[in-house]
Amino acid sequence: MFKNIILPIVIILLLNSCSGAFKPKKVDSRDVPVNAQERARKNIEEGKGTSLGGLITGRGKTTYQFSTSNPMWRASLEILDFLPLTTVDYSGGMIITDWYTEDSSKDSIKISVRFLANEIKTENLKIIVHKKTCSIDNACKVNILKNSKINEELLTAILKKAAVLEKNSKSKN
């Protein structure tokens, strides 16, 4: 049995380990955290490891920020509440509205809001406004409105609302 089963398996494993298929890739040591828990958390975020019921994150002391405690997220939803939403993805940091048209207008708009960070700053929020103009024969043309008044007004309104929400939440605590 040893000659027929175990010996060929051992030989295959030894030959396969010499082929270079399992050589680890080179990693810059500046990109690897020194702390073991930070390294484990980074590996899990990159899909290279597993978490066993909070053992890696440290006895229930998580620092997740849920959407109800994120003032930028809440402010954006409150400002855009009159529009129909197609995509609302907190983990991806994105809100996309459906096309919105006034009653008799041939123009419609679609707004996407992307969150680059949770801090209340202008550079942490990217707003893209699409404008669709349709002619009588239903031929539609879509343009992205860059540096438009709508972008500026939305950005200002969301940041002001987020600042008020954050101030209110701090005063409650």
C-alpha atoms as a PDB file:
ATOM      1  CA  MET A   1       0.000   0.000   0.000  1.00  0.00           C
ATOM      2  CA  PHE A   2       2.862   2.363   0.826  1.00  0.00           C
ATOM      3  CA  LYS A   3       4.452   1.913  -2.602  1.00  0.00           C
ATOM      4  CA  ASN A   4       1.187   2.219  -4.508  1.00  0.00           C
ATOM      5  CA  ILE A   5      -0.499   5.181  -2.797  1.00  0.00           C
ATOM      6  CA  ILE A   6       1.607   7.173  -0.370  1.00  0.00           C
ATOM      7  CA  LEU A   7       4.933   7.151  -2.225  1.00  0.00           C
ATOM      8  CA  PRO A   8       3.497   8.601  -5.486  1.00  0.00           C
ATOM      9  CA  ILE A   9       1.666  11.309  -3.524  1.00  0.00           C
ATOM     10  CA  VAL A  10       4.847  12.295  -1.689  1.00  0.00           C
ATOM     11  CA  ILE A  11       6.825  12.358  -4.954  1.00  0.00           C
ATOM     12  CA  ILE A  12       4.169  14.531  -6.666  1.00  0.00           C
ATOM     13  CA  LEU A  13       4.147  16.968  -3.737  1.00  0.00           C
ATOM     14  CA  LEU A  14       7.926  17.224  -3.703  1.00  0.00           C
ATOM     15  CA  LEU A  15       8.145  17.764  -7.456  1.00  0.00           C
ATOM     16  CA  ASN A  16       5.326  20.293  -7.401  1.00  0.00           C
ATOM     17  CA  SER A  17       6.988  22.300  -4.623  1.00  0.00           C
ATOM     18  CA  CYS A  18      10.124  22.584  -6.740  1.00  0.00           C
ATOM     19  CA  SER A  19       8.242  23.928  -9.758  1.00  0.00           C
ATOM     20  CA  GLY A  20       7.863  27.420  -8.346  1.00  0.00           C
ATOM     21  CA  ALA A  21       4.069  27.349  -8.465  1.00  0.00           C
ATOM     22  CA  PHE A  22       3.831  28.084  -4.758  1.00  0.00           C
ATOM     23  CA  LYS A  23       6.459  30.811  -4.497  1.00  0.00           C
ATOM     24  CA  PRO A  24       5.123  33.782  -2.580  1.00  0.00           C
ATOM     25  CA  LYS A  25       5.020  37.102  -4.367  1.00  0.00           C
ATOM     26  CA  LYS A  26       7.382  39.830  -3.254  1.00  0.00           C
ATOM     27  CA  VAL A  27       5.820  42.406  -0.961  1.00  0.00           C
ATOM     28  CA  ASP A  28       7.147  45.820  -0.019  1.00  0.00           C
ATOM     29  CA  SER A  29       7.610  45.830   3.766  1.00  0.00           C
ATOM     30  CA  ARG A  30       6.397  49.436   3.943  1.00  0.00           C
ATOM     31  CA  ASP A  31       2.924  48.267   2.853  1.00  0.00           C
ATOM     32  CA  VAL A  32       2.638  45.579   5.545  1.00  0.00           C
ATOM     33  CA  PRO A  33       1.438  46.708   9.001  1.00  0.00           C
ATOM     34  CA  VAL A  34       3.723  45.855  11.914  1.00  0.00           C
ATOM     35  CA  ASN A  35       0.920  45.037  14.349  1.00  0.00           C
ATOM     36  CA  ALA A  36      -0.381  41.474  13.940  1.00  0.00           C
ATOM     37  CA  GLN A  37      -4.038  42.451  14.361  1.00  0.00           C
ATOM     38  CA  GLU A  38      -3.719  45.182  11.714  1.00  0.00           C
ATOM     39  CA  ARG A  39      -2.052  42.688   9.360  1.00  0.00           C
ATOM     40  CA  ALA A  40      -4.875  40.198   9.950  1.00  0.00           C
ATOM     41  CA  ARG A  41      -7.534  42.878   9.374  1.00  0.00           C
ATOM     42  CA  LYS A  42      -5.804  43.945   6.127  1.00  0.00           C
ATOM     43  CA  ASN A  43      -5.647  40.338   4.928  1.00  0.00           C
ATOM     44  CA  ILE A  44      -9.348  39.841   5.625  1.00  0.00           C
ATOM     45  CA  GLU A  45     -10.237  43.040   3.754  1.00  0.00           C
ATOM     46  CA  GLU A  46      -8.207  41.823   0.767  1.00  0.00           C
ATOM     47  CA  GLY A  47      -9.893  38.416   0.891  1.00  0.00           C
ATOM     48  CA  LYS A  48      -6.773  36.557   2.052  1.00  0.00           C
ATOM     49  CA  GLY A  49      -8.016  35.287   5.391  1.00  0.00           C
ATOM     50  CA  THR A  50     -10.948  34.565   7.630  1.00  0.00           C
ATOM     51  CA  SER A  51     -12.308  35.907  10.863  1.00  0.00           C
ATOM     52  CA  LEU A  52     -13.411  33.532  13.582  1.00  0.00           C
ATOM     53  CA  GLY A  53     -16.229  35.342  15.335  1.00  0.00           C
ATOM     54  CA  GLY A  54     -14.360  38.525  16.138  1.00  0.00           C
ATOM     55  CA  LEU A  55     -11.126  36.902  17.334  1.00  0.00           C
ATOM     56  CA  ILE A  56      -9.085  38.937  14.919  1.00  0.00           C
ATOM     57  CA  THR A  57     -10.857  42.231  15.504  1.00  0.00           C
ATOM     58  CA  GLY A  58     -10.367  41.922  19.244  1.00  0.00           C
ATOM     59  CA  ARG A  59     -13.146  40.817  21.588  1.00  0.00           C
ATOM     60  CA  GLY A  60     -16.070  42.754  20.164  1.00  0.00           C
ATOM     61  CA  LYS A  61     -14.355  46.141  19.942  1.00  0.00           C
ATOM     62  CA  THR A  62     -15.292  46.780  16.336  1.00  0.00           C
ATOM     63  CA  THR A  63     -15.088  50.193  14.734  1.00  0.00           C
ATOM     64  CA  TYR A  64     -17.669  49.777  12.005  1.00  0.00           C
ATOM     65  CA  GLN A  65     -19.498  52.912  10.987  1.00  0.00           C
ATOM     66  CA  PHE A  66     -23.059  52.092  10.009  1.00  0.00           C
ATOM     67  CA  SER A  67     -25.106  54.228   7.672  1.00  0.00           C
ATOM     68  CA  THR A  68     -27.274  55.603  10.484  1.00  0.00           C
ATOM     69  CA  SER A  69     -24.220  57.094  12.173  1.00  0.00           C
ATOM     70  CA  ASN A  70     -22.654  58.536   9.009  1.00  0.00           C
ATOM     71  CA  PRO A  71     -23.810  62.152   8.647  1.00  0.00           C
ATOM     72  CA  MET A  72     -22.725  62.464   4.987  1.00  0.00           C
ATOM     73  CA  TRP A  73     -24.778  59.405   4.049  1.00  0.00           C
ATOM     74  CA  ARG A  74     -27.848  60.501   5.998  1.00  0.00           C
ATOM     75  CA  ALA A  75     -27.641  64.063   4.639  1.00  0.00           C
ATOM     76  CA  SER A  76     -27.429  62.810   1.050  1.00  0.00           C
ATOM     77  CA  LEU A  77     -30.477  60.611   1.477  1.00  0.00           C
ATOM     78  CA  GLU A  78     -32.437  63.455   3.062  1.00  0.00           C
ATOM     79  CA  ILE A  79     -31.488  65.932   0.312  1.00  0.00           C
ATOM     80  CA  LEU A  80     -32.299  63.452  -2.482  1.00  0.00           C
ATOM     81  CA  ASP A  81     -35.493  62.109  -0.897  1.00  0.00           C
ATOM     82  CA  PHE A  82     -37.731  63.649  -3.585  1.00  0.00           C
ATOM     83  CA  LEU A  83     -36.024  61.596  -6.328  1.00  0.00           C
ATOM     84  CA  PRO A  84     -36.636  57.901  -7.069  1.00  0.00           C
ATOM     85  CA  LEU A  85     -33.514  55.934  -6.164  1.00  0.00           C
ATOM     86  CA  THR A  86     -32.223  53.021  -8.240  1.00  0.00           C
ATOM     87  CA  THR A  87     -29.025  52.133  -6.363  1.00  0.00           C
ATOM     88  CA  VAL A  88     -28.296  52.754  -2.708  1.00  0.00           C
ATOM     89  CA  ASP A  89     -25.103  50.955  -1.696  1.00  0.00           C
ATOM     90  CA  TYR A  90     -23.612  52.006   1.620  1.00  0.00           C
ATOM     91  CA  SER A  91     -20.733  49.539   1.507  1.00  0.00           C
ATOM     92  CA  GLY A  92     -19.802  50.709  -1.983  1.00  0.00           C
ATOM     93  CA  GLY A  93     -20.376  54.359  -1.059  1.00  0.00           C
ATOM     94  CA  MET A  94     -22.803  55.168  -3.849  1.00  0.00           C
ATOM     95  CA  ILE A  95     -26.286  56.580  -4.364  1.00  0.00           C
ATOM     96  CA  ILE A  96     -27.760  56.673  -7.870  1.00  0.00           C
ATOM     97  CA  THR A  97     -31.148  58.157  -8.669  1.00  0.00           C
ATOM     98  CA  ASP A  98     -33.489  57.214 -11.470  1.00  0.00           C
ATOM     99  CA  TRP A  99     -34.231  59.630 -14.300  1.00  0.00           C
ATOM    100  CA  TYR A 100     -36.353  62.503 -13.019  1.00  0.00           C
ATOM    101  CA  THR A 101     -38.499  64.696 -15.262  1.00  0.00           C
ATOM    102  CA  GLU A 102     -40.667  67.676 -14.478  1.00  0.00           C
ATOM    103  CA  ASP A 103     -44.283  67.446 -15.686  1.00  0.00           C
ATOM    104  CA  SER A 104     -44.086  68.854 -19.227  1.00  0.00           C
ATOM    105  CA  SER A 105     -40.339  68.952 -19.713  1.00  0.00           C
ATOM    106  CA  LYS A 106     -38.429  66.985 -22.344  1.00  0.00           C
ATOM    107  CA  ASP A 107     -35.330  67.140 -20.168  1.00  0.00           C
ATOM    108  CA  SER A 108     -34.618  64.741 -17.335  1.00  0.00           C
ATOM    109  CA  ILE A 109     -31.755  64.398 -14.878  1.00  0.00           C
ATOM    110  CA  LYS A 110     -30.054  61.524 -13.118  1.00  0.00           C
ATOM    111  CA  ILE A 111     -27.764  62.098 -10.140  1.00  0.00           C
ATOM    112  CA  SER A 112     -25.049  59.858  -8.759  1.00  0.00           C
ATOM    113  CA  VAL A 113     -23.348  60.583  -5.453  1.00  0.00           C
ATOM    114  CA  ARG A 114     -20.094  58.833  -4.568  1.00  0.00           C
ATOM    115  CA  PHE A 115     -18.569  58.916  -1.104  1.00  0.00           C
ATOM    116  CA  LEU A 116     -14.785  58.908  -1.117  1.00  0.00           C
ATOM    117  CA  ALA A 117     -14.457  59.187   2.684  1.00  0.00           C
ATOM    118  CA  ASN A 118     -16.694  59.722   5.731  1.00  0.00           C
ATOM    119  CA  GLU A 119     -15.318  63.089   6.798  1.00  0.00           C
ATOM    120  CA  ILE A 120     -17.441  66.114   5.986  1.00  0.00           C
ATOM    121  CA  LYS A 121     -15.281  67.725   3.313  1.00  0.00           C
ATOM    122  CA  THR A 122     -15.896  68.862  -0.244  1.00  0.00           C
ATOM    123  CA  GLU A 123     -13.270  66.532  -1.688  1.00  0.00           C
ATOM    124  CA  ASN A 124     -14.869  63.478  -0.036  1.00  0.00           C
ATOM    125  CA  LEU A 125     -18.044  63.745  -2.104  1.00  0.00           C
ATOM    126  CA  LYS A 126     -18.307  63.363  -5.874  1.00  0.00           C
ATOM    127  CA  ILE A 127     -21.575  64.327  -7.513  1.00  0.00           C
ATOM    128  CA  ILE A 128     -22.271  63.580 -11.161  1.00  0.00           C
ATOM    129  CA  VAL A 129     -25.393  64.956 -12.848  1.00  0.00           C
ATOM    130  CA  HIS A 130     -26.528  63.439 -16.150  1.00  0.00           C
ATOM    131  CA  LYS A 131     -28.948  65.373 -18.318  1.00  0.00           C
ATOM    132  CA  LYS A 132     -31.063  63.598 -20.918  1.00  0.00           C
ATOM    133  CA  THR A 133     -32.726  65.664 -23.632  1.00  0.00           C
ATOM    134  CA  CYS A 134     -35.293  63.951 -25.825  1.00  0.00           C
ATOM    135  CA  SER A 135     -36.711  65.302 -29.067  1.00  0.00           C
ATOM    136  CA  ILE A 136     -40.225  64.817 -30.410  1.00  0.00           C
ATOM    137  CA  ASP A 137     -39.303  61.577 -32.203  1.00  0.00           C
ATOM    138  CA  ASN A 138     -37.894  60.134 -28.904  1.00  0.00           C
ATOM    139  CA  ALA A 139     -34.279  60.488 -29.947  1.00  0.00           C
ATOM    140  CA  CYS A 140     -32.504  61.155 -26.659  1.00  0.00           C
ATOM    141  CA  LYS A 141     -29.072  62.586 -25.982  1.00  0.00           C
ATOM    142  CA  VAL A 142     -27.341  62.223 -22.598  1.00  0.00           C
ATOM    143  CA  ASN A 143     -24.715  64.675 -21.348  1.00  0.00           C
ATOM    144  CA  ILE A 144     -22.771  64.917 -18.103  1.00  0.00           C
ATOM    145  CA  LEU A 145     -23.146  68.341 -16.535  1.00  0.00           C
ATOM    146  CA  LYS A 146     -19.729  69.305 -15.195  1.00  0.00           C
ATOM    147  CA  ASN A 147     -19.379  72.268 -12.854  1.00  0.00           C
ATOM    148  CA  SER A 148     -23.071  73.048 -13.177  1.00  0.00           C
ATOM    149  CA  LYS A 149     -25.221  74.963 -10.734  1.00  0.00           C
ATOM    150  CA  ILE A 150     -27.022  71.733  -9.778  1.00  0.00           C
ATOM    151  CA  ASN A 151     -23.728  70.083  -8.763  1.00  0.00           C
ATOM    152  CA  GLU A 152     -22.712  73.054  -6.626  1.00  0.00           C
ATOM    153  CA  GLU A 153     -26.130  73.375  -4.969  1.00  0.00           C
ATOM    154  CA  LEU A 154     -26.302  69.660  -4.162  1.00  0.00           C
ATOM    155  CA  LEU A 155     -22.773  69.610  -2.783  1.00  0.00           C
ATOM    156  CA  THR A 156     -23.428  72.663  -0.610  1.00  0.00           C
ATOM    157  CA  ALA A 157     -26.777  71.355   0.628  1.00  0.00           C
ATOM    158  CA  ILE A 158     -25.394  67.908   1.508  1.00  0.00           C
ATOM    159  CA  LEU A 159     -22.358  69.323   3.329  1.00  0.00           C
ATOM    160  CA  LYS A 160     -24.481  71.808   5.311  1.00  0.00           C
ATOM    161  CA  LYS A 161     -26.990  69.123   6.273  1.00  0.00           C
ATOM    162  CA  ALA A 162     -24.198  66.708   7.237  1.00  0.00           C
ATOM    163  CA  ALA A 163     -22.554  69.354   9.428  1.00  0.00           C
ATOM    164  CA  VAL A 164     -25.869  69.989  11.203  1.00  0.00           C
ATOM    165  CA  LEU A 165     -26.472  66.252  11.691  1.00  0.00           C
ATOM    166  CA  GLU A 166     -22.967  65.753  13.080  1.00  0.00           C
ATOM    167  CA  LYS A 167     -23.328  68.715  15.412  1.00  0.00           C
ATOM    168  CA  ASN A 168     -26.667  67.401  16.678  1.00  0.00           C
ATOM    169  CA  SER A 169     -25.296  63.917  17.271  1.00  0.00           C
ATOM    170  CA  LYS A 170     -22.321  65.311  19.218  1.00  0.00           C
ATOM    171  CA  SER A 171     -24.559  67.503  21.357  1.00  0.00           C
ATOM    172  CA  LYS A 172     -26.701  64.459  22.265  1.00  0.00           C
ATOM    173  CA  ASN A 173     -23.621  62.598  23.455  1.00  0.00           C
END
